[in-house]
Amino acid sequence: MRSALFEKLGLANLDLGIILILITVVIIVLLILLISTMTKLSRMTKKYYFFMRGKEAKSLESEIMKLFEDNRQMKEEIARNTKDIRSIYKQLRLTYQKMGLVKYDAFSQMGGKLSFCLALLDQDNNGFLINSVHGTDSSYSYIKRIESGSCRMDLTNEEKAALTKAVQGELNEAD
């Protein structure tokens, strides 16, 4: 069977059976693609109806606007919290965080262990040292400034021990 169209296309010698097989294969491939596309569309339609269930376009828009407003409020709250935390850290650097306490007997068995040295330091080892000397008939208290973990004045052995404990950040019991 000769066709004028096949002759013009240069396919006059091609067997008609091969052409039919090729067309059948193409149709099967297209049918598979169509089924795959319809399955995906069906899944997408189910998701769409689930999302839109009970909602109209205006109510959906208001829900989205509420989400944006909530997001904006959370961002403002996070910014406020961040600012507060920075302020707290700045103040915390100046608080007394380290303590050293040494109890001792100032007058060799006359007053008991009622005398003490207390060192209170901040994060940078700045603060003060209190020395309270207790005797049987009197009591005296002295205070010395501590800067960067040292004192410009001479320290007694008890004061040095209290300062060392505070600088090392030891949580210690009174002796």
C-alpha atoms as a PDB file:
ATOM      1  CA  MET A   1       0.000   0.000   0.000  1.00  0.00           C
ATOM      2  CA  ARG A   2       1.547   3.191  -1.260  1.00  0.00           C
ATOM      3  CA  SER A   3       0.695   6.623   0.115  1.00  0.00           C
ATOM      4  CA  ALA A   4       1.538   9.910  -1.554  1.00  0.00           C
ATOM      5  CA  LEU A   5       2.106  11.503   1.876  1.00  0.00           C
ATOM      6  CA  PHE A   6       4.613   8.795   2.889  1.00  0.00           C
ATOM      7  CA  GLU A   7       6.404   9.245  -0.424  1.00  0.00           C
ATOM      8  CA  LYS A   8       6.757  12.999   0.085  1.00  0.00           C
ATOM      9  CA  LEU A   9       8.083  12.409   3.609  1.00  0.00           C
ATOM     10  CA  GLY A  10      10.516   9.795   2.386  1.00  0.00           C
ATOM     11  CA  LEU A  11       8.837   7.009   4.354  1.00  0.00           C
ATOM     12  CA  ALA A  12       7.363   5.099   1.416  1.00  0.00           C
ATOM     13  CA  ASN A  13       9.554   2.025   2.037  1.00  0.00           C
ATOM     14  CA  LEU A  14       8.625   1.856   5.788  1.00  0.00           C
ATOM     15  CA  ASP A  15       6.411  -1.067   6.822  1.00  0.00           C
ATOM     16  CA  LEU A  16       2.924  -0.082   8.052  1.00  0.00           C
ATOM     17  CA  GLY A  17       3.157  -2.630  10.926  1.00  0.00           C
ATOM     18  CA  ILE A  18       6.200  -0.843  12.415  1.00  0.00           C
ATOM     19  CA  ILE A  19       4.367   2.466  12.277  1.00  0.00           C
ATOM     20  CA  LEU A  20       1.364   0.937  14.073  1.00  0.00           C
ATOM     21  CA  ILE A  21       3.621  -0.566  16.782  1.00  0.00           C
ATOM     22  CA  LEU A  22       5.354   2.804  17.327  1.00  0.00           C
ATOM     23  CA  ILE A  23       1.994   4.600  17.560  1.00  0.00           C
ATOM     24  CA  THR A  24       0.750   1.968  20.049  1.00  0.00           C
ATOM     25  CA  VAL A  25       3.890   2.402  22.238  1.00  0.00           C
ATOM     26  CA  VAL A  26       3.494   6.194  22.185  1.00  0.00           C
ATOM     27  CA  ILE A  27      -0.182   5.859  23.156  1.00  0.00           C
ATOM     28  CA  ILE A  28       0.696   3.525  26.074  1.00  0.00           C
ATOM     29  CA  VAL A  29       3.401   5.930  27.338  1.00  0.00           C
ATOM     30  CA  LEU A  30       0.982   8.859  27.087  1.00  0.00           C
ATOM     31  CA  LEU A  31      -1.681   6.842  28.911  1.00  0.00           C
ATOM     32  CA  ILE A  32       0.768   6.085  31.772  1.00  0.00           C
ATOM     33  CA  LEU A  33       1.708   9.771  32.010  1.00  0.00           C
ATOM     34  CA  LEU A  34      -1.991  10.718  32.050  1.00  0.00           C
ATOM     35  CA  ILE A  35      -2.738   8.277  34.904  1.00  0.00           C
ATOM     36  CA  SER A  36       0.265   9.564  36.888  1.00  0.00           C
ATOM     37  CA  THR A  37      -0.817  13.177  36.405  1.00  0.00           C
ATOM     38  CA  MET A  38      -4.399  12.399  37.418  1.00  0.00           C
ATOM     39  CA  THR A  39      -3.169  10.656  40.600  1.00  0.00           C
ATOM     40  CA  LYS A  40      -1.060  13.666  41.569  1.00  0.00           C
ATOM     41  CA  LEU A  41      -3.941  16.018  40.815  1.00  0.00           C
ATOM     42  CA  SER A  42      -6.270  13.902  42.961  1.00  0.00           C
ATOM     43  CA  ARG A  43      -3.835  14.068  45.922  1.00  0.00           C
ATOM     44  CA  MET A  44      -3.436  17.814  45.474  1.00  0.00           C
ATOM     45  CA  THR A  45      -7.220  18.266  45.335  1.00  0.00           C
ATOM     46  CA  LYS A  46      -7.643  16.310  48.590  1.00  0.00           C
ATOM     47  CA  LYS A  47      -5.031  18.502  50.294  1.00  0.00           C
ATOM     48  CA  TYR A  48      -6.722  21.638  48.972  1.00  0.00           C
ATOM     49  CA  TYR A  49     -10.140  20.578  50.246  1.00  0.00           C
ATOM     50  CA  PHE A  50      -8.661  19.607  53.614  1.00  0.00           C
ATOM     51  CA  PHE A  51      -6.994  23.027  53.872  1.00  0.00           C
ATOM     52  CA  MET A  52     -10.105  24.911  52.793  1.00  0.00           C
ATOM     53  CA  ARG A  53     -12.539  22.782  54.832  1.00  0.00           C
ATOM     54  CA  GLY A  54     -15.086  25.035  56.525  1.00  0.00           C
ATOM     55  CA  LYS A  55     -13.425  28.214  55.369  1.00  0.00           C
ATOM     56  CA  GLU A  56     -14.341  30.900  52.956  1.00  0.00           C
ATOM     57  CA  ALA A  57     -11.834  33.104  51.233  1.00  0.00           C
ATOM     58  CA  LYS A  58     -12.411  36.004  53.661  1.00  0.00           C
ATOM     59  CA  SER A  59     -12.077  33.849  56.787  1.00  0.00           C
ATOM     60  CA  LEU A  60      -8.921  32.276  55.385  1.00  0.00           C
ATOM     61  CA  GLU A  61      -7.508  35.737  54.743  1.00  0.00           C
ATOM     62  CA  SER A  62      -8.283  36.791  58.320  1.00  0.00           C
ATOM     63  CA  GLU A  63      -6.570  33.629  59.638  1.00  0.00           C
ATOM     64  CA  ILE A  64      -3.451  34.442  57.636  1.00  0.00           C
ATOM     65  CA  MET A  65      -3.534  38.055  58.871  1.00  0.00           C
ATOM     66  CA  LYS A  66      -3.770  36.787  62.487  1.00  0.00           C
ATOM     67  CA  LEU A  67      -0.727  34.600  61.899  1.00  0.00           C
ATOM     68  CA  PHE A  68       1.231  37.579  60.567  1.00  0.00           C
ATOM     69  CA  GLU A  69       0.172  39.667  63.587  1.00  0.00           C
ATOM     70  CA  ASP A  70       1.189  36.889  65.991  1.00  0.00           C
ATOM     71  CA  ASN A  71       4.538  36.616  64.206  1.00  0.00           C
ATOM     72  CA  ARG A  72       5.071  40.379  64.517  1.00  0.00           C
ATOM     73  CA  GLN A  73       4.236  40.294  68.240  1.00  0.00           C
ATOM     74  CA  MET A  74       6.642  37.393  68.816  1.00  0.00           C
ATOM     75  CA  LYS A  75       9.436  39.280  67.062  1.00  0.00           C
ATOM     76  CA  GLU A  76       8.791  42.335  69.261  1.00  0.00           C
ATOM     77  CA  GLU A  77       8.767  40.163  72.384  1.00  0.00           C
ATOM     78  CA  ILE A  78      12.039  38.477  71.364  1.00  0.00           C
ATOM     79  CA  ALA A  79      13.645  41.881  70.794  1.00  0.00           C
ATOM     80  CA  ARG A  80      12.404  43.075  74.203  1.00  0.00           C
ATOM     81  CA  ASN A  81      13.672  39.888  75.906  1.00  0.00           C
ATOM     82  CA  THR A  82      17.056  40.195  74.204  1.00  0.00           C
ATOM     83  CA  LYS A  83      17.371  43.793  75.429  1.00  0.00           C
ATOM     84  CA  ASP A  84      16.373  42.761  78.973  1.00  0.00           C
ATOM     85  CA  ILE A  85      18.875  39.879  79.007  1.00  0.00           C
ATOM     86  CA  ARG A  86      21.685  42.192  77.906  1.00  0.00           C
ATOM     87  CA  SER A  87      20.740  44.628  80.671  1.00  0.00           C
ATOM     88  CA  ILE A  88      20.705  41.823  83.248  1.00  0.00           C
ATOM     89  CA  TYR A  89      24.140  40.595  82.131  1.00  0.00           C
ATOM     90  CA  LYS A  90      25.503  44.138  82.368  1.00  0.00           C
ATOM     91  CA  GLN A  91      24.148  44.490  85.923  1.00  0.00           C
ATOM     92  CA  LEU A  92      25.294  41.003  86.878  1.00  0.00           C
ATOM     93  CA  ARG A  93      28.917  41.908  86.157  1.00  0.00           C
ATOM     94  CA  LEU A  94      28.715  44.479  88.962  1.00  0.00           C
ATOM     95  CA  THR A  95      27.101  42.243  91.592  1.00  0.00           C
ATOM     96  CA  TYR A  96      29.095  40.433  94.241  1.00  0.00           C
ATOM     97  CA  GLN A  97      29.454  36.899  92.943  1.00  0.00           C
ATOM     98  CA  LYS A  98      32.408  35.563  94.897  1.00  0.00           C
ATOM     99  CA  MET A  99      32.805  35.200  98.623  1.00  0.00           C
ATOM    100  CA  GLY A 100      35.603  34.149 100.914  1.00  0.00           C
ATOM    101  CA  LEU A 101      35.061  33.787 104.650  1.00  0.00           C
ATOM    102  CA  VAL A 102      37.641  32.934 107.300  1.00  0.00           C
ATOM    103  CA  LYS A 103      36.775  32.710 111.015  1.00  0.00           C
ATOM    104  CA  TYR A 104      39.573  32.969 113.536  1.00  0.00           C
ATOM    105  CA  ASP A 105      40.464  33.675 117.156  1.00  0.00           C
ATOM    106  CA  ALA A 106      42.022  37.142 117.208  1.00  0.00           C
ATOM    107  CA  PHE A 107      43.346  37.110 120.765  1.00  0.00           C
ATOM    108  CA  SER A 108      44.543  33.546 121.346  1.00  0.00           C
ATOM    109  CA  GLN A 109      41.793  31.876 123.326  1.00  0.00           C
ATOM    110  CA  MET A 110      40.444  35.057 124.878  1.00  0.00           C
ATOM    111  CA  GLY A 111      37.493  35.706 122.579  1.00  0.00           C
ATOM    112  CA  GLY A 112      36.811  32.366 120.878  1.00  0.00           C
ATOM    113  CA  LYS A 113      36.502  32.077 117.111  1.00  0.00           C
ATOM    114  CA  LEU A 114      34.242  35.117 116.851  1.00  0.00           C
ATOM    115  CA  SER A 115      36.515  37.210 114.630  1.00  0.00           C
ATOM    116  CA  PHE A 116      36.172  36.894 110.868  1.00  0.00           C
ATOM    117  CA  CYS A 117      37.355  38.177 107.491  1.00  0.00           C
ATOM    118  CA  LEU A 118      34.808  38.392 104.681  1.00  0.00           C
ATOM    119  CA  ALA A 119      35.788  39.138 101.067  1.00  0.00           C
ATOM    120  CA  LEU A 120      33.045  39.956  98.533  1.00  0.00           C
ATOM    121  CA  LEU A 121      34.067  40.288  94.872  1.00  0.00           C
ATOM    122  CA  ASP A 122      32.371  40.824  91.538  1.00  0.00           C
ATOM    123  CA  GLN A 123      33.178  39.016  88.290  1.00  0.00           C
ATOM    124  CA  ASP A 124      36.305  41.148  87.729  1.00  0.00           C
ATOM    125  CA  ASN A 125      37.570  40.541  91.313  1.00  0.00           C
ATOM    126  CA  ASN A 126      36.678  44.043  92.472  1.00  0.00           C
ATOM    127  CA  GLY A 127      34.968  44.535  95.815  1.00  0.00           C
ATOM    128  CA  PHE A 128      35.850  44.809  99.477  1.00  0.00           C
ATOM    129  CA  LEU A 129      37.146  42.903 102.463  1.00  0.00           C
ATOM    130  CA  ILE A 130      35.687  43.271 105.963  1.00  0.00           C
ATOM    131  CA  ASN A 131      37.753  42.240 108.964  1.00  0.00           C
ATOM    132  CA  SER A 132      35.880  42.097 112.253  1.00  0.00           C
ATOM    133  CA  VAL A 133      38.117  41.575 115.272  1.00  0.00           C
ATOM    134  CA  HIS A 134      36.262  40.448 118.396  1.00  0.00           C
ATOM    135  CA  GLY A 135      37.766  40.554 121.861  1.00  0.00           C
ATOM    136  CA  THR A 136      36.356  39.976 125.339  1.00  0.00           C
ATOM    137  CA  ASP A 137      35.652  43.647 126.004  1.00  0.00           C
ATOM    138  CA  SER A 138      35.551  45.209 122.514  1.00  0.00           C
ATOM    139  CA  SER A 139      35.040  44.593 118.845  1.00  0.00           C
ATOM    140  CA  TYR A 140      36.582  46.406 115.864  1.00  0.00           C
ATOM    141  CA  SER A 141      35.700  46.274 112.162  1.00  0.00           C
ATOM    142  CA  TYR A 142      37.891  47.270 109.243  1.00  0.00           C
ATOM    143  CA  ILE A 143      37.106  47.460 105.569  1.00  0.00           C
ATOM    144  CA  LYS A 144      39.591  47.418 102.680  1.00  0.00           C
ATOM    145  CA  ARG A 145      38.983  47.983  98.970  1.00  0.00           C
ATOM    146  CA  ILE A 146      39.913  45.180  96.561  1.00  0.00           C
ATOM    147  CA  GLU A 147      40.705  45.994  92.931  1.00  0.00           C
ATOM    148  CA  SER A 148      41.479  43.260  90.382  1.00  0.00           C
ATOM    149  CA  GLY A 149      41.997  40.739  93.160  1.00  0.00           C
ATOM    150  CA  SER A 150      44.555  42.722  95.164  1.00  0.00           C
ATOM    151  CA  CYS A 151      44.631  45.373  97.865  1.00  0.00           C
ATOM    152  CA  ARG A 152      46.877  48.441  98.104  1.00  0.00           C
ATOM    153  CA  MET A 153      47.058  48.050 101.880  1.00  0.00           C
ATOM    154  CA  ASP A 154      48.876  45.283 103.740  1.00  0.00           C
ATOM    155  CA  LEU A 155      46.703  42.272 104.528  1.00  0.00           C
ATOM    156  CA  THR A 156      46.812  39.965 107.523  1.00  0.00           C
ATOM    157  CA  ASN A 157      47.114  36.208 106.993  1.00  0.00           C
ATOM    158  CA  GLU A 158      43.368  35.777 107.608  1.00  0.00           C
ATOM    159  CA  GLU A 159      42.527  38.561 105.130  1.00  0.00           C
ATOM    160  CA  LYS A 160      44.829  36.984 102.520  1.00  0.00           C
ATOM    161  CA  ALA A 161      43.135  33.607 103.031  1.00  0.00           C
ATOM    162  CA  ALA A 162      39.639  35.116 102.658  1.00  0.00           C
ATOM    163  CA  LEU A 163      40.702  37.025  99.540  1.00  0.00           C
ATOM    164  CA  THR A 164      42.272  33.899  97.995  1.00  0.00           C
ATOM    165  CA  LYS A 165      39.098  31.894  98.592  1.00  0.00           C
ATOM    166  CA  ALA A 166      36.976  34.627  96.995  1.00  0.00           C
ATOM    167  CA  VAL A 167      39.252  35.058  93.949  1.00  0.00           C
ATOM    168  CA  GLN A 168      39.267  31.301  93.361  1.00  0.00           C
ATOM    169  CA  GLY A 169      35.487  31.338  93.569  1.00  0.00           C
ATOM    170  CA  GLU A 170      35.402  28.537  96.107  1.00  0.00           C
ATOM    171  CA  LEU A 171      32.126  27.973  97.841  1.00  0.00           C
ATOM    172  CA  ASN A 172      33.507  27.472 101.306  1.00  0.00           C
ATOM    173  CA  GLU A 173      32.285  26.913 104.794  1.00  0.00           C
ATOM    174  CA  ALA A 174      33.528  29.097 107.599  1.00  0.00           C
ATOM    175  CA  ASP A 175      36.450  27.514 109.468  1.00  0.00           C
END
